Protein backbone atom coordinates (compact mmCIF):
# COMPACT_ATOMS: atom_id res chain seq x y z
CA UNK A 1 -42.31 -10.12 37.09
CA UNK A 2 -43.40 -12.19 39.97
CA UNK A 3 -41.97 -11.72 43.23
CA UNK A 4 -41.03 -14.35 46.10
CA UNK A 5 -39.65 -12.95 49.37
CA UNK A 6 -38.09 -15.51 51.99
CA UNK A 7 -37.56 -13.80 55.37
CA UNK A 8 -35.67 -16.17 57.72
CA UNK A 9 -35.87 -15.32 61.39
CA UNK A 10 -32.50 -14.97 63.23
CA UNK A 11 -30.19 -15.81 60.24
CA UNK A 12 -26.82 -14.25 60.82
CA UNK A 13 -25.11 -12.78 57.87
CA UNK A 14 -21.82 -14.76 58.43
CA UNK A 15 -23.56 -18.18 58.08
CA UNK A 16 -24.12 -17.77 54.44
CA UNK A 17 -21.61 -20.67 53.59
CA UNK A 18 -20.38 -18.95 50.35
CA UNK A 19 -18.85 -16.26 52.50
CA UNK A 20 -16.39 -18.79 54.13
CA UNK A 21 -16.69 -17.01 57.35
CA UNK A 22 -18.15 -19.93 59.26
CA UNK A 23 -17.88 -23.75 58.78
CA UNK A 24 -21.65 -23.91 57.76
CA UNK A 25 -23.03 -25.97 54.81
CA UNK A 26 -25.43 -24.06 52.45
CA UNK A 27 -25.01 -25.37 48.96
CA UNK A 28 -28.48 -24.06 47.64
CA UNK A 29 -27.77 -20.54 49.10
CA UNK A 30 -24.30 -20.70 47.58
CA UNK A 31 -25.83 -21.55 44.15
CA UNK A 32 -28.57 -18.85 44.51
CA UNK A 33 -25.99 -16.36 45.49
CA UNK A 34 -24.02 -17.05 42.34
CA UNK A 35 -26.95 -16.24 40.17
CA UNK A 36 -27.89 -13.15 42.36
CA UNK A 37 -26.71 -9.94 43.83
CA UNK A 38 -25.38 -10.22 47.26
CA UNK A 39 -25.81 -7.15 49.39
CA UNK A 40 -22.72 -6.91 51.81
CA UNK A 41 -24.18 -4.02 54.12
CA UNK A 42 -27.62 -4.69 54.77
CA UNK A 43 -28.30 -3.46 58.35
CA UNK A 44 -30.89 -3.89 61.01
CA UNK A 45 -33.27 -0.99 61.42
CA UNK A 46 -36.14 -1.60 63.86
CA UNK A 47 -35.55 -4.39 66.66
CA UNK A 48 -36.79 -7.02 67.54
CA UNK A 49 -38.47 -9.36 64.98
CA UNK A 50 -42.10 -7.89 64.88
CA UNK A 51 -40.95 -4.29 64.60
CA UNK A 52 -38.51 -5.48 61.87
CA UNK A 53 -41.38 -6.92 59.98
CA UNK A 54 -43.39 -3.59 60.18
CA UNK A 55 -40.27 -2.11 58.45
CA UNK A 56 -40.50 -4.77 55.80
CA UNK A 57 -44.11 -4.53 54.97
CA UNK A 58 -44.70 -0.91 55.22
CA UNK A 59 -41.45 0.35 53.83
CA UNK A 60 -41.14 2.85 56.48
CA UNK A 61 -38.72 3.35 59.56
CA UNK A 62 -40.95 2.04 62.36
CA UNK A 63 -39.01 1.84 65.60
CA UNK A 64 -39.26 5.61 66.53
CA UNK A 65 -43.10 5.42 66.31
CA UNK A 66 -44.17 1.77 66.86
CA UNK A 67 -43.83 -0.78 69.59
CA UNK A 68 -44.09 -4.48 69.47
CA UNK A 69 -47.65 -4.61 68.30
CA UNK A 70 -49.78 -5.79 65.24
CA UNK A 71 -49.09 -4.40 61.90
CA UNK A 72 -50.31 -0.76 62.33
CA UNK A 73 -52.93 0.74 60.10
CA UNK A 74 -51.34 4.01 58.74
CA UNK A 75 -50.70 3.49 54.81
CA UNK A 76 -51.45 0.61 52.59
CA UNK A 77 -48.71 -2.20 53.16
CA UNK A 78 -46.75 -4.21 50.55
CA UNK A 79 -49.46 -6.84 49.74
CA UNK A 80 -52.07 -4.23 49.36
CA UNK A 81 -50.21 -2.22 46.82
CA UNK A 82 -49.43 -5.65 44.84
CA UNK A 83 -53.08 -6.69 45.04
CA UNK A 84 -54.34 -3.27 43.75
CA UNK A 85 -52.04 -3.94 40.63
CA UNK A 86 -53.73 -7.24 39.83
CA UNK A 87 -51.15 -9.63 41.49
CA UNK A 88 -52.23 -12.73 43.40
CA UNK A 89 -50.75 -12.57 46.78
CA UNK A 90 -49.88 -15.18 49.21
CA UNK A 91 -48.35 -15.29 52.70
CA UNK A 92 -47.22 -18.43 54.34
CA UNK A 93 -45.64 -18.73 57.81
CA UNK A 94 -44.72 -20.80 60.80
CA UNK A 95 -43.64 -17.82 62.80
CA UNK A 96 -45.67 -17.95 66.04
CA UNK A 97 -45.18 -14.19 66.61
CA UNK A 98 -46.77 -13.21 63.16
CA UNK A 99 -49.66 -15.80 63.05
CA UNK A 100 -50.98 -15.73 66.44
CA UNK A 101 -53.82 -13.38 67.62
CA UNK A 102 -54.56 -10.27 65.53
CA UNK A 103 -50.92 -9.68 64.42
CA UNK A 104 -52.23 -8.40 61.09
CA UNK A 105 -49.44 -9.33 58.79
CA UNK A 106 -51.73 -11.20 56.53
CA UNK A 107 -53.34 -7.97 55.54
CA UNK A 108 -53.59 -7.78 51.79
CA UNK A 109 -52.91 -11.33 50.87
CA UNK A 110 -55.47 -13.35 49.05
CA UNK A 111 -54.08 -16.59 50.37
CA UNK A 112 -52.82 -17.12 53.94
CA UNK A 113 -51.41 -20.25 55.30
CA UNK A 114 -50.51 -20.33 59.01
CA UNK A 115 -48.48 -23.34 59.97
CA UNK A 116 -49.03 -24.04 63.70
CA UNK A 117 -46.73 -25.82 66.11
CA UNK A 118 -43.68 -23.75 66.31
CA UNK A 119 -42.17 -23.04 69.53
CA UNK A 120 -44.77 -22.64 72.46
CA UNK A 121 -47.50 -21.96 69.98
CA UNK A 122 -50.96 -23.25 71.45
CA UNK A 123 -51.17 -26.07 69.10
CA UNK A 124 -51.58 -29.58 70.65
CA UNK A 125 -54.02 -30.01 73.61
CA UNK A 126 -52.65 -30.50 77.25
CA UNK A 127 -53.84 -34.25 77.25
CA UNK A 128 -51.37 -35.30 74.57
CA UNK A 129 -47.87 -36.77 75.17
CA UNK A 130 -44.64 -34.82 75.24
CA UNK A 131 -41.04 -35.25 73.95
CA UNK A 132 -38.51 -35.86 76.76
CA UNK A 133 -36.70 -32.57 77.26
CA UNK A 134 -33.40 -32.89 75.65
CA UNK A 135 -31.59 -30.88 78.27
CA UNK A 136 -32.23 -29.87 81.96
CA UNK A 137 -35.33 -27.69 81.99
CA UNK A 138 -33.47 -24.97 84.00
CA UNK A 139 -31.09 -24.53 81.24
CA UNK A 140 -33.74 -23.12 78.77
CA UNK A 141 -35.47 -19.95 78.48
CA UNK A 142 -38.91 -21.35 78.38
CA UNK A 143 -41.22 -21.20 81.29
CA UNK A 144 -42.67 -24.41 82.50
CA UNK A 145 -45.92 -24.06 80.64
CA UNK A 146 -44.26 -22.81 77.44
CA UNK A 147 -41.71 -25.69 77.53
CA UNK A 148 -44.63 -28.24 77.94
CA UNK A 149 -46.37 -26.75 74.90
CA UNK A 150 -43.17 -26.91 72.73
CA UNK A 151 -42.38 -30.52 73.71
CA UNK A 152 -46.07 -31.55 72.84
CA UNK A 153 -45.91 -29.72 69.63
CA UNK A 154 -42.51 -31.31 68.90
CA UNK A 155 -43.72 -34.64 69.84
CA UNK A 156 -46.60 -34.47 67.29
CA UNK A 157 -44.53 -33.33 64.39
CA UNK A 158 -41.83 -36.12 65.28
CA UNK A 159 -44.73 -38.52 65.10
CA UNK A 160 -45.49 -37.21 61.62
CA UNK A 161 -41.93 -37.46 60.52
CA UNK A 162 -41.93 -33.71 59.74
CA UNK A 163 -41.52 -30.40 61.21
CA UNK A 164 -42.97 -26.92 60.53
CA UNK A 165 -40.08 -25.79 58.10
CA UNK A 166 -40.99 -28.74 55.98
CA UNK A 167 -44.71 -28.34 56.02
CA UNK A 168 -44.29 -24.46 55.13
CA UNK A 169 -42.12 -25.02 52.16
CA UNK A 170 -44.61 -27.75 50.89
CA UNK A 171 -47.39 -25.41 51.38
CA UNK A 172 -45.38 -22.72 49.47
CA UNK A 173 -44.82 -25.06 46.35
CA UNK A 174 -48.38 -26.20 46.40
CA UNK A 175 -49.79 -22.70 46.25
CA UNK A 176 -47.17 -21.89 43.50
CA UNK A 177 -48.55 -24.60 41.31
CA UNK A 178 -51.79 -22.65 40.73
CA UNK A 179 -50.53 -19.09 41.25
CA UNK A 180 -47.96 -19.36 38.59
CA UNK A 181 -50.29 -20.67 35.93
CA UNK A 182 -52.91 -17.98 36.68
CA UNK A 183 -50.67 -15.02 36.22
CA UNK A 184 -48.64 -12.52 38.34
CA UNK A 185 -48.12 -13.25 41.95
CA UNK A 186 -46.25 -12.14 45.14
CA UNK A 187 -45.48 -14.79 47.57
CA UNK A 188 -44.07 -13.90 51.14
CA UNK A 189 -42.59 -16.93 52.94
CA UNK A 190 -41.81 -16.05 56.61
CA UNK A 191 -39.88 -19.05 58.17
CA UNK A 192 -39.11 -19.16 61.79
CA UNK A 193 -36.15 -21.35 61.20
CA UNK A 194 -33.15 -20.80 62.21
CA UNK A 195 -34.75 -19.24 65.32
CA UNK A 196 -34.66 -21.29 68.47
CA UNK A 197 -36.01 -23.71 69.77
CA UNK A 198 -33.44 -25.70 67.51
CA UNK A 199 -34.81 -29.07 66.52
CA UNK A 200 -33.13 -29.89 63.20
CA UNK A 201 -33.54 -33.27 61.76
CA UNK A 202 -30.43 -35.85 62.37
CA UNK A 203 -29.46 -35.50 58.52
CA UNK A 204 -28.55 -31.92 59.11
CA UNK A 205 -27.34 -32.10 62.77
CA UNK A 206 -24.84 -35.08 61.95
CA UNK A 207 -23.00 -32.49 59.49
CA UNK A 208 -21.51 -30.61 62.43
CA UNK A 209 -19.33 -31.75 65.44
CA UNK A 210 -21.04 -32.49 69.01
CA UNK A 211 -19.32 -32.07 72.32
CA UNK A 212 -20.39 -35.04 74.51
CA UNK A 213 -19.44 -32.88 77.61
CA UNK A 214 -22.20 -30.68 76.84
CA UNK A 215 -26.00 -30.59 76.70
CA UNK A 216 -28.49 -30.03 73.95
CA UNK A 217 -29.49 -26.62 74.99
CA UNK A 218 -32.13 -25.94 72.26
CA UNK A 219 -33.58 -22.72 73.72
CA UNK A 220 -31.02 -21.12 75.81
CA UNK A 221 -31.49 -18.06 78.19
CA UNK A 222 -30.52 -14.81 76.50
CA UNK A 223 -28.05 -12.66 78.36
CA UNK A 224 -24.42 -13.53 79.07
CA UNK A 225 -22.80 -16.32 77.36
CA UNK A 226 -20.87 -17.16 80.77
CA UNK A 227 -24.18 -18.58 81.99
CA UNK A 228 -23.34 -21.77 80.22
CA UNK A 229 -20.12 -24.12 80.00
CA UNK A 230 -18.13 -24.04 76.76
CA UNK A 231 -19.50 -27.42 75.91
CA UNK A 232 -22.95 -26.16 75.92
CA UNK A 233 -22.04 -23.30 73.67
CA UNK A 234 -20.39 -25.55 71.33
CA UNK A 235 -23.40 -27.56 70.78
CA UNK A 236 -25.68 -24.52 70.60
CA UNK A 237 -23.53 -23.38 67.60
CA UNK A 238 -23.96 -26.86 65.97
CA UNK A 239 -27.77 -26.81 66.61
CA UNK A 240 -27.75 -23.46 65.00
CA UNK A 241 -25.79 -24.30 61.99
CA UNK A 242 -27.98 -27.63 61.45
CA UNK A 243 -30.92 -25.31 61.48
CA UNK A 244 -29.24 -23.22 58.85
CA UNK A 245 -28.61 -26.25 56.56
CA UNK A 246 -32.27 -27.49 57.11
CA UNK A 247 -33.60 -23.93 55.80
CA UNK A 248 -30.91 -24.12 52.99
CA UNK A 249 -32.20 -27.73 52.03
CA UNK A 250 -35.69 -26.40 51.53
CA UNK A 251 -34.68 -23.29 49.74
CA UNK A 252 -33.09 -25.86 47.28
CA UNK A 253 -36.51 -27.80 46.98
CA UNK A 254 -38.40 -24.71 46.37
CA UNK A 255 -35.83 -23.67 43.70
CA UNK A 256 -36.17 -27.12 42.04
CA UNK A 257 -39.83 -26.77 41.96
CA UNK A 258 -39.69 -23.36 40.54
CA UNK A 259 -37.40 -24.77 37.72
CA UNK A 260 -39.65 -27.78 37.00
CA UNK A 261 -42.75 -25.51 36.55
CA UNK A 262 -41.09 -22.86 34.52
CA UNK A 263 -42.01 -20.06 37.08
CA UNK A 264 -38.24 -19.47 37.86
CA UNK A 265 -37.78 -17.73 34.41
CA UNK A 266 -39.95 -14.87 35.42
CA UNK A 267 -39.40 -14.70 39.08
CA UNK A 268 -37.45 -12.29 41.15
CA UNK A 269 -36.34 -13.95 44.73
CA UNK A 270 -35.27 -11.94 47.73
CA UNK A 271 -33.78 -13.71 50.76
CA UNK A 272 -33.46 -11.74 53.95
CA UNK A 273 -33.61 -11.81 57.78
CA UNK A 274 -34.68 -9.64 60.59
CA UNK A 275 -31.44 -9.72 62.89
CA UNK A 276 -28.80 -12.23 63.96
CA UNK A 277 -27.79 -13.87 67.15
CA UNK A 278 -24.73 -13.98 69.55
CA UNK A 279 -22.90 -17.16 70.46
CA UNK A 280 -20.46 -15.83 72.93
CA UNK A 281 -19.42 -12.69 70.90
CA UNK A 282 -18.89 -9.57 73.18
CA UNK A 283 -19.52 -12.19 76.02
CA UNK A 284 -23.15 -12.26 74.89
CA UNK A 285 -25.67 -14.81 73.98
CA UNK A 286 -28.86 -14.63 72.03
CA UNK A 287 -30.27 -11.11 71.45
CA UNK A 288 -30.24 -9.58 74.96
CA UNK A 289 -31.80 -6.49 76.10
CA UNK A 290 -30.95 -4.30 78.93
CA UNK A 291 -33.23 -6.36 81.16
CA UNK A 292 -30.87 -9.47 80.86
CA UNK A 293 -27.57 -7.56 81.09
CA UNK A 294 -26.16 -4.99 83.34
CA UNK A 295 -25.08 -2.67 80.65
CA UNK A 296 -26.83 -1.05 77.63
CA UNK A 297 -26.88 -3.77 74.92
CA UNK A 298 -25.45 -2.78 71.48
CA UNK A 299 -26.17 -3.79 68.03
CA UNK A 300 -22.95 -5.46 67.34
CA UNK A 301 -22.11 -7.09 63.99
CA UNK A 302 -23.34 -10.32 64.92
CA UNK A 303 -26.90 -9.02 65.62
CA UNK A 304 -27.11 -6.31 63.14
CA UNK A 305 -25.53 -7.50 59.84
CA UNK A 306 -28.16 -9.18 57.98
CA UNK A 307 -28.19 -11.34 54.68
CA UNK A 308 -29.83 -9.79 51.74
CA UNK A 309 -29.60 -11.72 48.30
CA UNK A 310 -31.64 -10.52 45.53
CA UNK A 311 -32.01 -12.76 42.15
CA UNK A 312 -33.30 -11.03 39.07
CA UNK A 313 -34.50 -13.24 36.12
CA UNK A 314 -32.61 -11.19 33.74
CA UNK A 315 -29.34 -11.60 35.51
CA UNK A 316 -29.05 -8.05 36.96
CA UNK A 317 -26.27 -7.91 39.32
CA UNK A 318 -25.79 -11.73 39.00
CA UNK A 319 -22.54 -13.04 40.77
CA UNK A 320 -21.77 -9.36 42.36
CA UNK A 321 -21.24 -8.38 45.89
CA UNK A 322 -22.66 -4.91 46.31
CA UNK A 323 -21.61 -2.65 49.01
CA UNK A 324 -23.17 0.45 50.52
CA UNK A 325 -25.71 0.66 53.36
CA UNK A 326 -29.20 -0.63 52.97
CA UNK A 327 -31.94 -1.46 55.41
CA UNK A 328 -35.39 -3.69 55.56
CA UNK A 329 -37.55 -0.43 54.75
CA UNK A 330 -35.96 -0.77 51.40
CA UNK A 331 -37.61 -4.06 50.49
CA UNK A 332 -40.96 -2.59 49.61
CA UNK A 333 -39.55 0.07 47.06
CA UNK A 334 -37.33 -2.73 45.50
CA UNK A 335 -40.14 -5.22 45.18
CA UNK A 336 -42.41 -2.84 43.44
CA UNK A 337 -39.79 -1.73 41.05
CA UNK A 338 -39.00 -5.17 40.39
CA UNK A 339 -42.61 -6.08 39.62
CA UNK A 340 -42.95 -3.03 37.58
CA UNK A 341 -45.45 -1.04 39.87
CA UNK A 342 -45.30 2.62 40.15
CA UNK A 343 -43.70 3.90 43.46
CA UNK A 344 -45.98 4.79 46.15
CA UNK A 345 -45.47 8.18 47.92
CA UNK A 346 -45.66 6.88 51.62
CA UNK A 347 -42.80 4.50 51.29
CA UNK A 348 -39.60 5.88 52.76
CA UNK A 349 -37.13 3.29 51.84
CA UNK A 350 -34.94 3.29 48.55
CA UNK A 351 -35.29 0.96 45.89
CA UNK A 352 -32.24 -1.38 45.39
CA UNK A 353 -33.00 -2.05 41.70
CA UNK A 354 -30.55 0.74 40.46
CA UNK A 355 -27.66 -0.81 42.70
CA UNK A 356 -28.30 -4.08 40.57
CA UNK A 357 -27.57 -2.00 37.54
CA UNK A 358 -24.44 -0.62 38.95
CA UNK A 359 -25.45 2.72 40.10
CA UNK A 360 -24.23 3.96 43.68
CA UNK A 361 -25.86 3.83 46.97
CA UNK A 362 -28.36 6.64 47.85
CA UNK A 363 -28.04 6.00 51.63
CA UNK A 364 -25.03 7.45 53.60
CA UNK A 365 -26.64 6.73 56.99
CA UNK A 366 -28.23 3.92 58.70
CA UNK A 367 -29.90 3.92 62.17
CA UNK A 368 -31.17 0.99 64.26
CA UNK A 369 -32.86 1.10 67.38
CA UNK A 370 -36.29 -0.05 69.41
CA UNK A 371 -39.38 1.54 70.44
CA UNK A 372 -38.83 3.35 73.85
CA UNK A 373 -40.68 1.72 76.81
CA UNK A 374 -40.67 1.74 80.61
CA UNK A 375 -39.25 -1.84 80.36
CA UNK A 376 -36.19 -0.66 78.54
CA UNK A 377 -35.98 -3.42 75.88
CA UNK A 378 -32.85 -2.21 74.37
CA UNK A 379 -30.58 0.63 75.64
CA UNK A 380 -28.89 1.36 72.54
CA UNK A 381 -29.21 3.20 69.13
CA UNK A 382 -26.78 2.29 66.40
CA UNK A 383 -25.51 4.61 63.61
CA UNK A 384 -23.55 3.28 60.72
CA UNK A 385 -21.74 5.22 57.82
CA UNK A 386 -19.15 3.80 55.31
CA UNK A 387 -16.26 4.55 57.79
CA UNK A 388 -17.92 4.49 61.25
CA UNK A 389 -20.35 2.66 63.65
CA UNK A 390 -21.65 4.57 66.81
CA UNK A 391 -23.16 2.44 69.51
CA UNK A 392 -24.93 5.23 71.34
CA UNK A 393 -26.28 4.58 75.02
CA UNK A 394 -29.37 6.59 76.10
CA UNK A 395 -28.27 5.51 79.59
CA UNK A 396 -24.78 6.80 79.69
CA UNK A 397 -24.94 9.45 77.03
CA UNK A 398 -22.18 10.05 74.40
CA UNK A 399 -19.23 9.75 76.71
CA UNK A 400 -20.40 6.26 77.71
CA UNK A 401 -20.97 5.08 74.29
CA UNK A 402 -18.90 3.21 71.80
CA UNK A 403 -17.35 4.09 68.52
CA UNK A 404 -15.72 1.72 65.96
CA UNK A 405 -13.77 2.17 62.76
CA UNK A 406 -15.58 -0.06 60.27
CA UNK A 407 -12.78 -0.64 57.71
CA UNK A 408 -9.99 -1.62 60.36
CA UNK A 409 -12.44 -3.14 63.06
CA UNK A 410 -15.21 -5.10 61.39
CA UNK A 411 -15.82 -7.09 64.40
CA UNK A 412 -16.08 -4.07 66.62
CA UNK A 413 -13.69 -5.01 69.32
CA UNK A 414 -11.88 -1.70 69.65
CA UNK A 415 -13.80 1.30 71.09
CA UNK A 416 -12.07 4.57 69.81
CA UNK A 417 -14.50 7.16 71.19
CA UNK A 418 -12.07 8.82 73.44
CA UNK A 419 -9.65 9.32 70.54
CA UNK A 420 -12.38 10.49 67.96
CA UNK A 421 -14.84 12.42 70.20
CA UNK A 422 -15.52 14.75 67.27
CA UNK A 423 -16.48 11.94 64.98
CA UNK A 424 -18.72 10.45 67.72
CA UNK A 425 -20.38 13.98 68.21
CA UNK A 426 -20.86 14.31 64.40
CA UNK A 427 -22.66 10.82 64.15
CA UNK A 428 -24.88 11.78 67.11
CA UNK A 429 -25.71 14.98 65.50
CA UNK A 430 -26.67 13.07 62.22
CA UNK A 431 -28.70 10.71 64.35
CA UNK A 432 -30.59 13.71 65.92
CA UNK A 433 -31.22 15.11 62.12
CA UNK A 434 -32.39 11.64 61.15
CA UNK A 435 -35.05 11.63 63.80
CA UNK A 436 -36.07 15.22 62.86
CA UNK A 437 -36.47 14.32 59.30
CA UNK A 438 -38.70 11.44 60.05
CA UNK A 439 -40.84 13.86 62.04
CA UNK A 440 -40.33 12.39 65.65
CA UNK A 441 -41.71 14.48 68.30
CA UNK A 442 -39.39 16.22 70.80
CA UNK A 443 -40.80 14.07 73.53
CA UNK A 444 -40.18 11.04 71.66
CA UNK A 445 -36.61 12.05 70.80
CA UNK A 446 -35.97 12.67 74.60
CA UNK A 447 -37.07 9.00 75.34
CA UNK A 448 -34.93 7.65 72.54
CA UNK A 449 -31.86 9.71 73.09
CA UNK A 450 -31.82 10.26 76.84
CA UNK A 451 -33.69 7.41 78.49
CA UNK A 452 -36.48 9.92 79.63
CA UNK A 453 -39.22 8.08 81.58
CA UNK A 454 -42.18 6.40 79.91
CA UNK A 455 -45.09 6.72 82.24
CA UNK A 456 -48.65 5.38 81.90
CA UNK A 457 -49.60 8.45 80.22
CA UNK A 458 -47.22 7.91 77.41
CA UNK A 459 -49.08 4.47 76.66
CA UNK A 460 -52.45 6.13 76.52
CA UNK A 461 -51.10 8.69 74.03
CA UNK A 462 -49.65 5.84 71.96
CA UNK A 463 -52.79 4.13 71.91
CA UNK A 464 -54.86 7.26 70.87
CA UNK A 465 -52.15 7.95 68.26
CA UNK A 466 -52.69 4.42 66.77
CA UNK A 467 -56.51 5.00 66.83
CA UNK A 468 -56.13 8.16 64.75
CA UNK A 469 -53.89 6.38 62.32
CA UNK A 470 -56.40 3.70 61.84
CA UNK A 471 -59.21 6.11 61.28
CA UNK A 472 -57.03 7.99 58.65
CA UNK A 473 -56.23 4.61 56.93
CA UNK A 474 -59.85 3.59 56.75
CA UNK A 475 -60.98 7.10 55.61
CA UNK A 476 -58.59 7.36 52.54
CA UNK A 477 -57.46 3.69 51.87
CA UNK A 478 -60.46 1.43 52.80
CA UNK A 479 -60.92 0.31 49.23
CA UNK A 480 -57.30 0.58 47.98
CA UNK A 481 -56.49 -3.19 48.06
CA UNK A 482 -59.78 -3.92 46.25
CA UNK A 483 -58.60 -1.73 43.33
CA UNK A 484 -61.40 0.65 43.96
């Protein structure tokens, strides 16, 4: 069976139109969902984007061990396993964070297409013309040099009558022409849309209301929503929804292409995202960290609830909504089983294929967080069970954390930690046990759980540990992806 993964950056769970939770148009995702299994409790694990991709490509829980960095050499990653088993492998992305420098996410892929020009990618030279900034520059999160890069990139794409999302999907369809004819394949499409900067074509923006009293803030500052007037926030929501509809359109074009070529008949498709985005919920905007807010930032519903749709060519799970916790590390084990590849022992996530067949979830606990650093990227660890959600603050301890009863408070508005202290303590104990099972060192646990300092020595120790992992990788797996 062939595998296509579409990972959309910053796609909120509730912006899948078929859920009818938001006024957003996604007719192609709606049709795909009707043919697929929709997982209703797919939760963030490692945050933010690059760390989440490490989860997805390694099948391991990353945030206790890896900071924002290139894909680590520790064990063979998803594409290397597929390549070893005779699959053609393709990676196509316009996500600047994954394709610039030596990010390493192309490892194991036979074909790599980097679509340049997204955001402030170094794409067009400084001598080229720029778009006029569609809002006051001080309203954007972009530094002056980054803003100018973005406006040059956007001008060039506007002149071509296209954008990176369209170019990316055309590249995917072009690659599939030969890959589907030559045998079995794995294609990973990592699309920046609907991540900001939002610049959707008019055909999609015209689908949504526009507040003439507000500006077109295409890349807002992350932090508190009160930074912007309500009219600006209205327009941000429409820009985001238009970007979602743009992505939906190209997913539809890809689907039509697969049907025309016959590749759809033996193709499993997984659609997912890395995290969501706040548009005023909990008074927040974007995906703020402790650096942009006065308080420890929690992984509330709008940020941590992720879409996951799995389409099986034999119709397993088709039309069903499947509950139960699952997370990005599960994607590797799932893709391997879908493709008929024997599981590899280093993957920590669980295959979701048994749940397509109606079996219950194997996961009773889900945890999210980020690597602890001196800069305090995120001051929160999240713990979910079927009944409860604990937003644990390393800065304030358990007493200053938040507890929500998920069945009665799905939007996490009523903190009941003072009334349910024993529940909170039990979830904290489960969190500690989870870290122990992963083999997290006592020093790292203190950093994660109690905001212990992160001096320069820790960075040197981290760099040394990465070097030893790389040495072990080259010693044991150097020839793995080559089939040797």
